[in-house]
Amino acid sequence: MSDEKISDTGRLLLRGAVTLSLLLLTACAVAPQRTVVQPSRESATTQDRQQLVEIARAQIGVPYRFGGTQPGSGFDCSGLVYYSYRQAGVAVPRTVAQQMRFAAPVSAAELRPGDLVFFDTSYKGGHVGIYIGEGRFVHAPSSGGRVREEHLEQPYWHRRWIGGGDLL
């Protein structure tokens, strides 16, 4: 009789193992596949880009604040990008280095409103602004400054140009 009990116990364990295996395999088979989509130069409409420019320009005059991501408390350069893009419905990374890695490279000649512009300011991964067209960009400068528009051809920025990036 003890052989029969072991046999019944073995069958129960085997049945449980098979059921569990089938459940796990089924769960894996129906799990949604994640697709990474690289930004396309054609993915954002002119209207989307203009909306982003308007959001960024509306922050002109907001004081600089290290680590800042809100108009009420201030912005640092990547915080201005982070806030502006999120307000336009686009999730982007938080830091300059992350934004640079995530963005599709864009030459100065190919810049479109809403693209990012990156500079080597020798400060913790550089500096970023939002291109608004006609050679101009909006950015949050260093301590004591306020969000403002500047021109890419100003000697300070021209010397420090790294490149452009598209997150749209």
N, C-alpha and C. Protein backbone atom coordinates (compact mmCIF):
# COMPACT_ATOMS: atom_id res chain seq x y z
N MET A 1 0.81 -1.18 0.00
CA MET A 1 0.00 0.00 0.00
C MET A 1 0.86 1.26 0.00
N SER A 2 2.03 1.22 0.62
CA SER A 2 2.88 2.40 0.62
C SER A 2 3.42 2.70 -0.77
N ASP A 3 3.64 1.67 -1.61
CA ASP A 3 4.06 1.90 -3.00
C ASP A 3 2.97 2.65 -3.77
N GLU A 4 1.70 2.32 -3.49
CA GLU A 4 0.59 3.00 -4.15
C GLU A 4 0.54 4.47 -3.76
N LYS A 5 0.79 4.77 -2.47
CA LYS A 5 0.77 6.16 -2.00
C LYS A 5 1.88 6.97 -2.66
N ILE A 6 3.05 6.39 -2.76
CA ILE A 6 4.16 7.09 -3.41
C ILE A 6 3.81 7.34 -4.86
N SER A 7 3.22 6.36 -5.46
CA SER A 7 2.82 6.50 -6.86
C SER A 7 1.78 7.61 -7.02
N ASP A 8 0.80 7.67 -6.13
CA ASP A 8 -0.21 8.74 -6.19
C ASP A 8 0.43 10.10 -5.93
N THR A 9 1.32 10.16 -4.96
CA THR A 9 2.01 11.41 -4.65
C THR A 9 2.86 11.85 -5.83
N GLY A 10 3.56 10.90 -6.43
CA GLY A 10 4.38 11.20 -7.59
C GLY A 10 3.55 11.73 -8.74
N ARG A 11 2.38 11.09 -8.94
CA ARG A 11 1.50 11.55 -10.01
C ARG A 11 1.01 12.97 -9.74
N LEU A 12 0.66 13.26 -8.51
CA LEU A 12 0.20 14.61 -8.15
C LEU A 12 1.29 15.65 -8.39
N LEU A 13 2.51 15.29 -7.97
CA LEU A 13 3.62 16.22 -8.18
C LEU A 13 3.89 16.44 -9.66
N LEU A 14 3.86 15.36 -10.44
CA LEU A 14 4.08 15.46 -11.87
C LEU A 14 2.99 16.30 -12.54
N ARG A 15 1.74 16.05 -12.15
CA ARG A 15 0.62 16.81 -12.71
C ARG A 15 0.77 18.30 -12.37
N GLY A 16 1.15 18.61 -11.13
CA GLY A 16 1.34 20.00 -10.70
C GLY A 16 2.47 20.67 -11.47
N ALA A 17 3.58 19.92 -11.67
CA ALA A 17 4.72 20.46 -12.40
C ALA A 17 4.36 20.74 -13.85
N VAL A 18 3.61 19.83 -14.47
CA VAL A 18 3.20 20.02 -15.86
C VAL A 18 2.26 21.21 -15.97
N THR A 19 1.30 21.33 -15.05
CA THR A 19 0.36 22.45 -15.06
C THR A 19 1.09 23.77 -14.90
N LEU A 20 2.01 23.82 -13.94
CA LEU A 20 2.78 25.04 -13.71
C LEU A 20 3.62 25.40 -14.94
N SER A 21 4.25 24.41 -15.55
CA SER A 21 5.05 24.65 -16.76
C SER A 21 4.19 25.20 -17.88
N LEU A 22 3.01 24.63 -18.08
CA LEU A 22 2.11 25.12 -19.13
C LEU A 22 1.67 26.55 -18.86
N LEU A 23 1.38 26.85 -17.60
CA LEU A 23 0.98 28.22 -17.26
C LEU A 23 2.11 29.21 -17.55
N LEU A 24 3.32 28.84 -17.16
CA LEU A 24 4.46 29.72 -17.40
C LEU A 24 4.72 29.91 -18.89
N LEU A 25 4.65 28.83 -19.65
CA LEU A 25 4.85 28.93 -21.10
C LEU A 25 3.77 29.78 -21.75
N THR A 26 2.55 29.61 -21.31
CA THR A 26 1.45 30.40 -21.85
C THR A 26 1.65 31.88 -21.53
N ALA A 27 2.05 32.18 -20.31
CA ALA A 27 2.28 33.57 -19.91
C ALA A 27 3.37 34.20 -20.76
N CYS A 28 4.43 33.44 -21.03
CA CYS A 28 5.51 33.96 -21.86
C CYS A 28 5.05 34.18 -23.29
N ALA A 29 4.21 33.31 -23.78
CA ALA A 29 3.77 33.40 -25.17
C ALA A 29 2.88 34.60 -25.42
N VAL A 30 2.12 35.04 -24.42
CA VAL A 30 1.21 36.16 -24.64
C VAL A 30 1.74 37.48 -24.11
N ALA A 31 2.94 37.47 -23.53
CA ALA A 31 3.50 38.71 -23.03
C ALA A 31 3.75 39.65 -24.21
N PRO A 32 3.37 40.93 -24.08
CA PRO A 32 3.57 41.86 -25.19
C PRO A 32 5.05 42.06 -25.47
N GLN A 33 5.40 42.12 -26.73
CA GLN A 33 6.78 42.37 -27.09
C GLN A 33 7.02 43.87 -27.05
N ARG A 34 8.18 44.25 -26.52
CA ARG A 34 8.54 45.66 -26.45
C ARG A 34 9.34 46.01 -27.69
N THR A 35 8.96 47.08 -28.31
CA THR A 35 9.65 47.54 -29.50
C THR A 35 10.28 48.90 -29.21
N VAL A 36 11.55 49.02 -29.50
CA VAL A 36 12.22 50.30 -29.33
C VAL A 36 12.14 51.03 -30.66
N VAL A 37 11.60 52.24 -30.60
CA VAL A 37 11.44 53.03 -31.82
C VAL A 37 12.41 54.20 -31.76
N GLN A 38 13.24 54.30 -32.75
CA GLN A 38 14.16 55.43 -32.85
C GLN A 38 13.41 56.63 -33.40
N PRO A 39 13.72 57.83 -32.92
CA PRO A 39 13.05 59.00 -33.46
C PRO A 39 13.27 59.10 -34.97
N SER A 40 12.26 59.52 -35.67
CA SER A 40 12.35 59.70 -37.12
C SER A 40 12.28 61.18 -37.43
N ARG A 41 13.05 61.61 -38.40
CA ARG A 41 13.02 63.02 -38.78
C ARG A 41 11.66 63.40 -39.34
N GLU A 42 10.84 62.42 -39.68
CA GLU A 42 9.53 62.70 -40.25
C GLU A 42 8.40 62.46 -39.24
N SER A 43 8.72 62.00 -38.02
CA SER A 43 7.67 61.58 -37.10
C SER A 43 6.88 62.74 -36.49
N ALA A 44 7.49 63.87 -36.27
CA ALA A 44 6.79 65.00 -35.64
C ALA A 44 6.33 65.99 -36.71
N THR A 45 5.12 66.46 -36.54
CA THR A 45 4.60 67.44 -37.49
C THR A 45 5.15 68.82 -37.17
N THR A 46 5.02 69.72 -38.11
CA THR A 46 5.43 71.10 -37.88
C THR A 46 4.64 71.69 -36.72
N GLN A 47 3.38 71.31 -36.61
CA GLN A 47 2.53 71.79 -35.51
C GLN A 47 3.06 71.30 -34.17
N ASP A 48 3.47 70.03 -34.09
CA ASP A 48 4.05 69.48 -32.85
C ASP A 48 5.29 70.26 -32.46
N ARG A 49 6.13 70.52 -33.43
CA ARG A 49 7.37 71.24 -33.17
C ARG A 49 7.09 72.69 -32.74
N GLN A 50 6.11 73.32 -33.37
CA GLN A 50 5.77 74.69 -33.01
C GLN A 50 5.21 74.76 -31.60
N GLN A 51 4.42 73.76 -31.22
CA GLN A 51 3.88 73.71 -29.86
C GLN A 51 5.03 73.62 -28.85
N LEU A 52 6.01 72.79 -29.14
CA LEU A 52 7.16 72.65 -28.25
C LEU A 52 7.92 73.97 -28.12
N VAL A 53 8.11 74.66 -29.23
CA VAL A 53 8.79 75.96 -29.22
C VAL A 53 8.00 76.96 -28.37
N GLU A 54 6.70 76.98 -28.51
CA GLU A 54 5.87 77.91 -27.73
C GLU A 54 5.96 77.61 -26.23
N ILE A 55 5.96 76.33 -25.88
CA ILE A 55 6.09 75.95 -24.47
C ILE A 55 7.43 76.43 -23.93
N ALA A 56 8.50 76.18 -24.67
CA ALA A 56 9.84 76.60 -24.22
C ALA A 56 9.93 78.12 -24.11
N ARG A 57 9.42 78.83 -25.10
CA ARG A 57 9.49 80.29 -25.09
C ARG A 57 8.66 80.89 -23.96
N ALA A 58 7.61 80.21 -23.56
CA ALA A 58 6.78 80.70 -22.44
C ALA A 58 7.55 80.68 -21.12
N GLN A 59 8.67 79.96 -21.08
CA GLN A 59 9.47 79.88 -19.85
C GLN A 59 10.53 80.98 -19.77
N ILE A 60 10.64 81.80 -20.80
CA ILE A 60 11.63 82.88 -20.79
C ILE A 60 11.39 83.76 -19.58
N GLY A 61 12.47 84.02 -18.85
CA GLY A 61 12.39 84.83 -17.64
C GLY A 61 12.37 84.01 -16.36
N VAL A 62 12.09 82.72 -16.44
CA VAL A 62 12.09 81.86 -15.25
C VAL A 62 13.53 81.73 -14.76
N PRO A 63 13.77 81.86 -13.45
CA PRO A 63 15.15 81.80 -12.96
C PRO A 63 15.79 80.41 -13.10
N TYR A 64 17.13 80.43 -13.17
CA TYR A 64 17.90 79.19 -13.18
C TYR A 64 17.86 78.58 -11.78
N ARG A 65 17.73 77.28 -11.73
CA ARG A 65 17.84 76.56 -10.46
C ARG A 65 18.42 75.19 -10.75
N PHE A 66 19.56 74.88 -10.14
CA PHE A 66 20.21 73.59 -10.35
C PHE A 66 19.23 72.47 -10.00
N GLY A 67 19.04 71.54 -10.91
CA GLY A 67 18.12 70.42 -10.69
C GLY A 67 16.67 70.77 -10.91
N GLY A 68 16.38 72.02 -11.29
CA GLY A 68 15.00 72.48 -11.42
C GLY A 68 14.30 71.96 -12.66
N THR A 69 13.02 71.59 -12.49
CA THR A 69 12.23 71.07 -13.61
C THR A 69 10.84 71.70 -13.69
N GLN A 70 10.61 72.79 -12.95
CA GLN A 70 9.28 73.40 -12.91
C GLN A 70 9.39 74.92 -13.01
N PRO A 71 8.43 75.56 -13.70
CA PRO A 71 8.49 77.02 -13.82
C PRO A 71 8.36 77.74 -12.48
N GLY A 72 7.64 77.16 -11.54
CA GLY A 72 7.46 77.81 -10.24
C GLY A 72 8.71 77.86 -9.40
N SER A 73 9.61 76.90 -9.61
CA SER A 73 10.83 76.86 -8.80
C SER A 73 12.09 77.11 -9.60
N GLY A 74 12.01 77.07 -10.92
CA GLY A 74 13.17 77.33 -11.77
C GLY A 74 13.63 76.10 -12.52
N PHE A 75 14.52 76.33 -13.49
CA PHE A 75 15.01 75.26 -14.36
C PHE A 75 16.53 75.26 -14.43
N ASP A 76 17.10 74.07 -14.58
CA ASP A 76 18.44 73.99 -15.13
C ASP A 76 18.25 73.66 -16.61
N CYS A 77 19.33 73.57 -17.37
CA CYS A 77 19.17 73.45 -18.83
C CYS A 77 18.41 72.18 -19.23
N SER A 78 18.78 71.04 -18.67
CA SER A 78 18.09 69.80 -19.05
C SER A 78 16.70 69.74 -18.44
N GLY A 79 16.50 70.42 -17.33
CA GLY A 79 15.17 70.49 -16.72
C GLY A 79 14.18 71.26 -17.59
N LEU A 80 14.67 72.30 -18.27
CA LEU A 80 13.83 73.05 -19.20
C LEU A 80 13.41 72.15 -20.37
N VAL A 81 14.34 71.37 -20.90
CA VAL A 81 14.03 70.43 -21.98
C VAL A 81 13.03 69.40 -21.48
N TYR A 82 13.32 68.82 -20.32
CA TYR A 82 12.46 67.79 -19.73
C TYR A 82 11.03 68.31 -19.57
N TYR A 83 10.88 69.50 -18.99
CA TYR A 83 9.56 70.09 -18.75
C TYR A 83 8.85 70.40 -20.08
N SER A 84 9.54 71.06 -20.99
CA SER A 84 8.92 71.49 -22.25
C SER A 84 8.43 70.29 -23.05
N TYR A 85 9.26 69.28 -23.16
CA TYR A 85 8.85 68.09 -23.92
C TYR A 85 7.68 67.38 -23.25
N ARG A 86 7.73 67.27 -21.92
CA ARG A 86 6.63 66.60 -21.22
C ARG A 86 5.32 67.36 -21.39
N GLN A 87 5.39 68.69 -21.36
CA GLN A 87 4.18 69.49 -21.58
C GLN A 87 3.63 69.28 -22.99
N ALA A 88 4.51 68.96 -23.91
CA ALA A 88 4.09 68.69 -25.30
C ALA A 88 3.70 67.22 -25.49
N GLY A 89 3.75 66.45 -24.40
CA GLY A 89 3.32 65.05 -24.47
C GLY A 89 4.40 64.07 -24.88
N VAL A 90 5.66 64.47 -24.76
CA VAL A 90 6.78 63.60 -25.15
C VAL A 90 7.65 63.34 -23.92
N ALA A 91 7.78 62.08 -23.54
CA ALA A 91 8.63 61.70 -22.41
C ALA A 91 10.08 61.66 -22.88
N VAL A 92 10.95 62.36 -22.17
CA VAL A 92 12.37 62.38 -22.51
C VAL A 92 13.20 62.13 -21.26
N PRO A 93 14.46 61.74 -21.43
CA PRO A 93 15.33 61.56 -20.26
C PRO A 93 15.57 62.89 -19.55
N ARG A 94 16.08 62.83 -18.33
CA ARG A 94 16.21 64.01 -17.50
C ARG A 94 17.53 64.77 -17.66
N THR A 95 18.65 64.08 -17.83
CA THR A 95 19.94 64.78 -17.82
C THR A 95 20.45 65.07 -19.23
N VAL A 96 21.40 66.01 -19.32
CA VAL A 96 21.99 66.36 -20.61
C VAL A 96 22.61 65.12 -21.25
N ALA A 97 23.39 64.37 -20.49
CA ALA A 97 24.06 63.19 -21.04
C ALA A 97 23.04 62.18 -21.56
N GLN A 98 21.97 61.95 -20.82
CA GLN A 98 20.94 61.01 -21.26
C GLN A 98 20.22 61.53 -22.50
N GLN A 99 19.92 62.81 -22.52
CA GLN A 99 19.23 63.42 -23.67
C GLN A 99 20.11 63.31 -24.91
N MET A 100 21.40 63.51 -24.74
CA MET A 100 22.32 63.43 -25.88
C MET A 100 22.40 62.00 -26.41
N ARG A 101 22.45 61.02 -25.51
CA ARG A 101 22.51 59.61 -25.93
C ARG A 101 21.23 59.18 -26.63
N PHE A 102 20.09 59.66 -26.18
CA PHE A 102 18.80 59.23 -26.71
C PHE A 102 18.46 59.90 -28.04
N ALA A 103 18.95 61.11 -28.25
CA ALA A 103 18.58 61.89 -29.45
C ALA A 103 19.26 61.36 -30.71
N ALA A 104 18.54 61.43 -31.81
CA ALA A 104 19.12 61.12 -33.12
C ALA A 104 19.97 62.32 -33.54
N PRO A 105 21.22 62.11 -33.93
CA PRO A 105 22.10 63.23 -34.29
C PRO A 105 21.55 64.06 -35.45
N VAL A 106 21.75 65.37 -35.34
CA VAL A 106 21.30 66.32 -36.36
C VAL A 106 22.41 67.35 -36.56
N SER A 107 22.76 67.62 -37.79
CA SER A 107 23.78 68.65 -38.06
C SER A 107 23.16 70.03 -37.90
N ALA A 108 24.01 71.04 -37.79
CA ALA A 108 23.52 72.41 -37.65
C ALA A 108 22.67 72.81 -38.85
N ALA A 109 23.03 72.35 -40.03
CA ALA A 109 22.29 72.70 -41.24
C ALA A 109 20.91 72.04 -41.29
N GLU A 110 20.73 70.94 -40.56
CA GLU A 110 19.46 70.20 -40.57
C GLU A 110 18.55 70.52 -39.39
N LEU A 111 18.96 71.42 -38.52
CA LEU A 111 18.15 71.72 -37.33
C LEU A 111 16.76 72.20 -37.71
N ARG A 112 15.78 71.70 -36.96
CA ARG A 112 14.40 72.14 -37.10
C ARG A 112 13.89 72.56 -35.73
N PRO A 113 12.91 73.46 -35.68
CA PRO A 113 12.36 73.87 -34.38
C PRO A 113 11.98 72.64 -33.55
N GLY A 114 12.36 72.69 -32.27
CA GLY A 114 12.09 71.58 -31.36
C GLY A 114 13.27 70.64 -31.19
N ASP A 115 14.26 70.70 -32.09
CA ASP A 115 15.46 69.88 -31.92
C ASP A 115 16.26 70.41 -30.73
N LEU A 116 17.13 69.57 -30.21
CA LEU A 116 18.00 69.99 -29.12
C LEU A 116 19.33 70.45 -29.68
N VAL A 117 19.96 71.38 -28.98
CA VAL A 117 21.31 71.84 -29.33
C VAL A 117 22.20 71.61 -28.12
N PHE A 118 23.35 70.97 -28.36
CA PHE A 118 24.26 70.58 -27.29
C PHE A 118 25.57 71.34 -27.39
N PHE A 119 26.09 71.71 -26.21
CA PHE A 119 27.33 72.48 -26.13
C PHE A 119 28.25 71.87 -25.08
N ASP A 120 29.55 72.02 -25.30
CA ASP A 120 30.54 71.58 -24.32
C ASP A 120 30.93 72.78 -23.47
N THR A 121 30.32 72.85 -22.31
CA THR A 121 30.62 73.96 -21.40
C THR A 121 31.53 73.50 -20.27
N SER A 122 32.06 72.28 -20.39
CA SER A 122 32.94 71.70 -19.38
C SER A 122 32.29 71.69 -18.00
N TYR A 123 30.99 71.49 -17.97
CA TYR A 123 30.30 71.42 -16.68
C TYR A 123 29.37 70.21 -16.67
N LYS A 124 29.75 69.19 -15.96
CA LYS A 124 28.91 68.01 -15.73
C LYS A 124 28.12 67.54 -16.95
N GLY A 125 28.80 67.27 -18.03
CA GLY A 125 28.12 66.71 -19.19
C GLY A 125 27.63 67.71 -20.19
N GLY A 126 27.97 68.96 -20.02
CA GLY A 126 27.63 69.94 -21.04
C GLY A 126 26.36 70.71 -20.79
N HIS A 127 25.85 71.27 -21.88
CA HIS A 127 24.71 72.19 -21.81
C HIS A 127 23.78 71.88 -22.98
N VAL A 128 22.47 72.10 -22.77
CA VAL A 128 21.48 71.81 -23.80
C VAL A 128 20.45 72.94 -23.87
N GLY A 129 19.96 73.17 -25.06
CA GLY A 129 18.88 74.12 -25.28
C GLY A 129 17.93 73.57 -26.33
N ILE A 130 16.84 74.29 -26.57
CA ILE A 130 15.84 73.89 -27.56
C ILE A 130 15.90 74.86 -28.73
N TYR A 131 16.16 74.33 -29.90
CA TYR A 131 16.25 75.14 -31.12
C TYR A 131 14.86 75.65 -31.48
N ILE A 132 14.76 76.96 -31.78
CA ILE A 132 13.45 77.54 -32.09
C ILE A 132 13.36 78.08 -33.52
N GLY A 133 14.44 77.94 -34.28
CA GLY A 133 14.44 78.40 -35.66
C GLY A 133 15.29 79.64 -35.86
N GLU A 134 15.67 79.90 -37.12
CA GLU A 134 16.44 81.09 -37.49
C GLU A 134 17.72 81.25 -36.68
N GLY A 135 18.36 80.12 -36.36
CA GLY A 135 19.63 80.16 -35.64
C GLY A 135 19.52 80.45 -34.16
N ARG A 136 18.32 80.45 -33.61
CA ARG A 136 18.13 80.79 -32.20
C ARG A 136 17.70 79.58 -31.38
N PHE A 137 17.99 79.66 -30.08
CA PHE A 137 17.59 78.59 -29.16
C PHE A 137 17.20 79.18 -27.82
N VAL A 138 16.40 78.43 -27.08
CA VAL A 138 15.99 78.81 -25.72
C VAL A 138 16.73 77.88 -24.77
N HIS A 139 17.24 78.45 -23.68
CA HIS A 139 17.96 77.61 -22.70
C HIS A 139 17.92 78.26 -21.33
N ALA A 140 18.26 77.46 -20.33
CA ALA A 140 18.40 77.95 -18.96
C ALA A 140 19.89 78.06 -18.69
N PRO A 141 20.42 79.27 -18.61
CA PRO A 141 21.87 79.43 -18.39
C PRO A 141 22.26 79.06 -16.96
N SER A 142 23.47 79.37 -16.60
CA SER A 142 23.98 78.98 -15.28
C SER A 142 23.40 79.83 -14.15
N SER A 143 23.86 79.54 -12.95
CA SER A 143 23.38 80.23 -11.74
C SER A 143 23.32 81.73 -11.93
N GLY A 144 22.25 82.31 -11.40
CA GLY A 144 22.05 83.74 -11.47
C GLY A 144 21.36 84.20 -12.74
N GLY A 145 21.24 83.31 -13.70
CA GLY A 145 20.60 83.67 -14.97
C GLY A 145 19.13 83.31 -14.99
N ARG A 146 18.51 83.62 -16.09
CA ARG A 146 17.10 83.29 -16.33
C ARG A 146 16.98 82.65 -17.71
N VAL A 147 15.94 81.87 -17.91
CA VAL A 147 15.70 81.25 -19.21
C VAL A 147 15.64 82.37 -20.25
N ARG A 148 16.34 82.15 -21.37
CA ARG A 148 16.39 83.19 -22.40
C ARG A 148 16.67 82.60 -23.77
N GLU A 149 16.50 83.45 -24.79
CA GLU A 149 16.83 83.11 -26.17
C GLU A 149 18.23 83.60 -26.47
N GLU A 150 18.95 82.81 -27.27
CA GLU A 150 20.27 83.25 -27.74
C GLU A 150 20.46 82.74 -29.15
N HIS A 151 21.51 83.23 -29.81
CA HIS A 151 21.81 82.83 -31.18
C HIS A 151 22.99 81.86 -31.19
N LEU A 152 22.87 80.82 -32.02
CA LEU A 152 23.93 79.82 -32.13
C LEU A 152 25.25 80.43 -32.60
N GLU A 153 25.19 81.52 -33.34
CA GLU A 153 26.40 82.12 -33.90
C GLU A 153 27.11 83.06 -32.93
N GLN A 154 26.55 83.28 -31.74
CA GLN A 154 27.28 84.07 -30.76
C GLN A 154 28.60 83.35 -30.49
N PRO A 155 29.70 84.07 -30.41
CA PRO A 155 31.01 83.42 -30.26
C PRO A 155 31.07 82.38 -29.13
N TYR A 156 30.49 82.71 -27.98
CA TYR A 156 30.54 81.77 -26.86
C TYR A 156 29.93 80.43 -27.25
N TRP A 157 28.75 80.43 -27.84
CA TRP A 157 28.05 79.19 -28.19
C TRP A 157 28.66 78.53 -29.42
N HIS A 158 29.05 79.33 -30.38
CA HIS A 158 29.64 78.79 -31.61
C HIS A 158 30.90 77.96 -31.30
N ARG A 159 31.75 78.46 -30.40
CA ARG A 159 32.98 77.75 -30.02
C ARG A 159 32.69 76.45 -29.27
N ARG A 160 31.57 76.38 -28.59
CA ARG A 160 31.26 75.23 -27.73
C ARG A 160 30.28 74.23 -28.36
N TRP A 161 29.87 74.47 -29.58
CA TRP A 161 28.89 73.62 -30.28
C TRP A 161 29.39 72.17 -30.33
N ILE A 162 28.52 71.24 -29.93
CA ILE A 162 28.79 69.80 -30.08
C ILE A 162 27.96 69.26 -31.23
N GLY A 163 26.67 69.57 -31.23
CA GLY A 163 25.79 69.07 -32.28
C GLY A 163 24.34 69.21 -31.89
N GLY A 164 23.48 68.83 -32.81
CA GLY A 164 22.05 68.86 -32.56
C GLY A 164 21.52 67.46 -32.35
N GLY A 165 20.30 67.39 -31.83
CA GLY A 165 19.67 66.10 -31.60
C GLY A 165 18.16 66.19 -31.75
N ASP A 166 17.58 65.13 -32.26
CA ASP A 166 16.13 65.07 -32.46
C ASP A 166 15.52 64.04 -31.52
N LEU A 167 14.61 64.49 -30.67
CA LEU A 167 13.88 63.59 -29.77
C LEU A 167 12.44 63.40 -30.20
N LEU A 168 12.03 64.02 -31.29
CA LEU A 168 10.63 63.94 -31.71
C LEU A 168 10.39 62.84 -32.71
